[in-house]
Amino acid sequence: MEDAETARLNHQRNKSEIVNLIKEMFNQDKWGDEKYKKKLQELVTKDEELVQEVIRKIKTEKGIK
């Protein structure tokens, strides 16, 4: 499960980045700022991809198609 665990850790790190960015947006009163919205969208898209990677690696390791 090493590959799946690495994928999970990457997903966790990305979620932390999303939370930190949102906190920064609020702290700097930048909610709605285009720069932040773009970065947040990139992180959300990356998170969706990481979730799919986690699922794929777990299925591969368990021999599920």
N, C-alpha and C. Protein backbone atom coordinates (compact mmCIF):
# COMPACT_ATOMS: atom_id res chain seq x y z
N MET A 1 0.82 -1.20 0.00
CA MET A 1 0.00 0.00 0.00
C MET A 1 0.85 1.26 0.00
N GLU A 2 2.10 1.13 -0.34
CA GLU A 2 3.00 2.28 -0.30
C GLU A 2 2.58 3.38 -1.28
N ASP A 3 2.26 3.01 -2.52
CA ASP A 3 1.84 4.00 -3.51
C ASP A 3 0.55 4.68 -3.09
N ALA A 4 -0.39 3.92 -2.58
CA ALA A 4 -1.66 4.48 -2.14
C ALA A 4 -1.45 5.42 -0.95
N GLU A 5 -0.56 5.05 -0.06
CA GLU A 5 -0.29 5.89 1.11
C GLU A 5 0.36 7.21 0.68
N THR A 6 1.27 7.16 -0.27
CA THR A 6 1.88 8.38 -0.80
C THR A 6 0.84 9.26 -1.45
N ALA A 7 -0.05 8.67 -2.21
CA ALA A 7 -1.12 9.42 -2.86
C ALA A 7 -2.04 10.06 -1.81
N ARG A 8 -2.33 9.34 -0.76
CA ARG A 8 -3.17 9.89 0.32
C ARG A 8 -2.47 11.08 1.00
N LEU A 9 -1.18 10.94 1.24
CA LEU A 9 -0.44 12.04 1.87
C LEU A 9 -0.42 13.28 0.97
N ASN A 10 -0.27 13.08 -0.33
CA ASN A 10 -0.31 14.19 -1.27
C ASN A 10 -1.68 14.87 -1.22
N HIS A 11 -2.72 14.09 -1.14
CA HIS A 11 -4.08 14.61 -1.04
C HIS A 11 -4.24 15.42 0.24
N GLN A 12 -3.74 14.90 1.35
CA GLN A 12 -3.83 15.60 2.64
C GLN A 12 -3.08 16.94 2.59
N ARG A 13 -1.89 16.93 1.98
CA ARG A 13 -1.12 18.17 1.85
C ARG A 13 -1.87 19.20 1.03
N ASN A 14 -2.48 18.75 -0.04
CA ASN A 14 -3.22 19.66 -0.91
C ASN A 14 -4.42 20.24 -0.17
N LYS A 15 -5.11 19.41 0.60
CA LYS A 15 -6.24 19.92 1.38
C LYS A 15 -5.77 20.99 2.37
N SER A 16 -4.60 20.78 2.97
CA SER A 16 -4.05 21.77 3.89
C SER A 16 -3.75 23.08 3.16
N GLU A 17 -3.23 22.98 1.94
CA GLU A 17 -2.96 24.18 1.15
C GLU A 17 -4.25 24.94 0.86
N ILE A 18 -5.32 24.21 0.57
CA ILE A 18 -6.61 24.85 0.31
C ILE A 18 -7.08 25.61 1.54
N VAL A 19 -7.02 24.95 2.69
CA VAL A 19 -7.46 25.59 3.94
C VAL A 19 -6.60 26.82 4.24
N ASN A 20 -5.29 26.69 4.08
CA ASN A 20 -4.40 27.82 4.35
C ASN A 20 -4.67 28.99 3.41
N LEU A 21 -4.94 28.70 2.15
CA LEU A 21 -5.24 29.77 1.20
C LEU A 21 -6.53 30.48 1.58
N ILE A 22 -7.54 29.73 1.98
CA ILE A 22 -8.81 30.33 2.38
C ILE A 22 -8.61 31.20 3.62
N LYS A 23 -7.83 30.71 4.58
CA LYS A 23 -7.54 31.51 5.77
C LYS A 23 -6.83 32.81 5.39
N GLU A 24 -5.87 32.70 4.49
CA GLU A 24 -5.13 33.88 4.03
C GLU A 24 -6.07 34.87 3.34
N MET A 25 -6.98 34.35 2.52
CA MET A 25 -7.93 35.22 1.83
C MET A 25 -8.77 36.01 2.83
N PHE A 26 -9.24 35.35 3.88
CA PHE A 26 -10.05 36.03 4.89
C PHE A 26 -9.21 37.00 5.71
N ASN A 27 -8.02 36.57 6.12
CA ASN A 27 -7.17 37.42 6.95
C ASN A 27 -6.77 38.71 6.24
N GLN A 28 -6.58 38.63 4.93
CA GLN A 28 -6.17 39.80 4.16
C GLN A 28 -7.35 40.50 3.51
N ASP A 29 -8.55 40.05 3.86
CA ASP A 29 -9.78 40.61 3.29
C ASP A 29 -9.72 40.61 1.76
N LYS A 30 -9.28 39.48 1.22
CA LYS A 30 -9.13 39.34 -0.23
C LYS A 30 -10.13 38.36 -0.81
N TRP A 31 -11.21 38.07 -0.04
CA TRP A 31 -12.21 37.13 -0.54
C TRP A 31 -12.78 37.68 -1.84
N GLY A 32 -12.73 36.90 -2.89
CA GLY A 32 -13.24 37.32 -4.19
C GLY A 32 -12.16 37.89 -5.10
N ASP A 33 -10.96 38.10 -4.58
CA ASP A 33 -9.85 38.60 -5.39
C ASP A 33 -9.53 37.57 -6.48
N GLU A 34 -9.40 38.03 -7.71
CA GLU A 34 -9.19 37.11 -8.84
C GLU A 34 -7.94 36.25 -8.69
N LYS A 35 -6.85 36.83 -8.16
CA LYS A 35 -5.61 36.06 -7.98
C LYS A 35 -5.86 34.88 -7.06
N TYR A 36 -6.56 35.14 -5.97
CA TYR A 36 -6.84 34.08 -5.01
C TYR A 36 -7.86 33.08 -5.56
N LYS A 37 -8.86 33.57 -6.25
CA LYS A 37 -9.86 32.67 -6.84
C LYS A 37 -9.21 31.71 -7.82
N LYS A 38 -8.28 32.23 -8.63
CA LYS A 38 -7.59 31.38 -9.61
C LYS A 38 -6.75 30.32 -8.89
N LYS A 39 -5.99 30.73 -7.87
CA LYS A 39 -5.16 29.79 -7.13
C LYS A 39 -6.03 28.74 -6.43
N LEU A 40 -7.15 29.17 -5.84
CA LEU A 40 -8.05 28.24 -5.17
C LEU A 40 -8.62 27.24 -6.17
N GLN A 41 -9.01 27.69 -7.35
CA GLN A 41 -9.54 26.78 -8.37
C GLN A 41 -8.48 25.78 -8.81
N GLU A 42 -7.23 26.22 -8.92
CA GLU A 42 -6.15 25.30 -9.28
C GLU A 42 -5.98 24.22 -8.22
N LEU A 43 -6.04 24.62 -6.95
CA LEU A 43 -5.89 23.66 -5.86
C LEU A 43 -7.07 22.69 -5.80
N VAL A 44 -8.27 23.17 -6.06
CA VAL A 44 -9.44 22.29 -6.06
C VAL A 44 -9.35 21.29 -7.20
N THR A 45 -8.94 21.74 -8.36
CA THR A 45 -8.77 20.84 -9.51
C THR A 45 -7.70 19.80 -9.20
N LYS A 46 -6.59 20.25 -8.62
CA LYS A 46 -5.52 19.33 -8.23
C LYS A 46 -6.04 18.31 -7.23
N ASP A 47 -6.87 18.75 -6.29
CA ASP A 47 -7.42 17.85 -5.29
C ASP A 47 -8.30 16.78 -5.93
N GLU A 48 -9.11 17.18 -6.90
CA GLU A 48 -9.95 16.21 -7.61
C GLU A 48 -9.09 15.16 -8.30
N GLU A 49 -7.99 15.60 -8.89
CA GLU A 49 -7.08 14.67 -9.56
C GLU A 49 -6.40 13.75 -8.56
N LEU A 50 -6.02 14.30 -7.40
CA LEU A 50 -5.38 13.49 -6.38
C LEU A 50 -6.33 12.44 -5.82
N VAL A 51 -7.59 12.79 -5.64
CA VAL A 51 -8.58 11.82 -5.16
C VAL A 51 -8.69 10.67 -6.16
N GLN A 52 -8.74 10.99 -7.43
CA GLN A 52 -8.82 9.93 -8.45
C GLN A 52 -7.56 9.05 -8.42
N GLU A 53 -6.41 9.67 -8.19
CA GLU A 53 -5.16 8.91 -8.10
C GLU A 53 -5.19 7.96 -6.90
N VAL A 54 -5.67 8.44 -5.76
CA VAL A 54 -5.77 7.59 -4.57
C VAL A 54 -6.66 6.39 -4.87
N ILE A 55 -7.81 6.64 -5.44
CA ILE A 55 -8.75 5.55 -5.77
C ILE A 55 -8.10 4.55 -6.73
N ARG A 56 -7.47 5.07 -7.77
CA ARG A 56 -6.83 4.20 -8.77
C ARG A 56 -5.74 3.33 -8.14
N LYS A 57 -4.91 3.92 -7.28
CA LYS A 57 -3.81 3.16 -6.68
C LYS A 57 -4.32 2.13 -5.68
N ILE A 58 -5.34 2.46 -4.93
CA ILE A 58 -5.91 1.48 -3.99
C ILE A 58 -6.51 0.32 -4.77
N LYS A 59 -7.23 0.61 -5.85
CA LYS A 59 -7.81 -0.46 -6.66
C LYS A 59 -6.71 -1.32 -7.26
N THR A 60 -5.65 -0.70 -7.74
CA THR A 60 -4.54 -1.46 -8.34
C THR A 60 -3.91 -2.36 -7.30
N GLU A 61 -3.66 -1.83 -6.12
CA GLU A 61 -3.02 -2.63 -5.07
C GLU A 61 -3.91 -3.76 -4.58
N LYS A 62 -5.22 -3.59 -4.65
CA LYS A 62 -6.14 -4.63 -4.21
C LYS A 62 -6.56 -5.55 -5.36
N GLY A 63 -6.10 -5.23 -6.57
CA GLY A 63 -6.44 -6.06 -7.72
C GLY A 63 -7.86 -5.87 -8.20
N ILE A 64 -8.44 -4.71 -7.92
CA ILE A 64 -9.80 -4.39 -8.35
C ILE A 64 -9.71 -3.57 -9.62
N LYS A 65 -10.58 -3.86 -10.56
CA LYS A 65 -10.55 -3.11 -11.83
C LYS A 65 -11.41 -1.91 -11.80
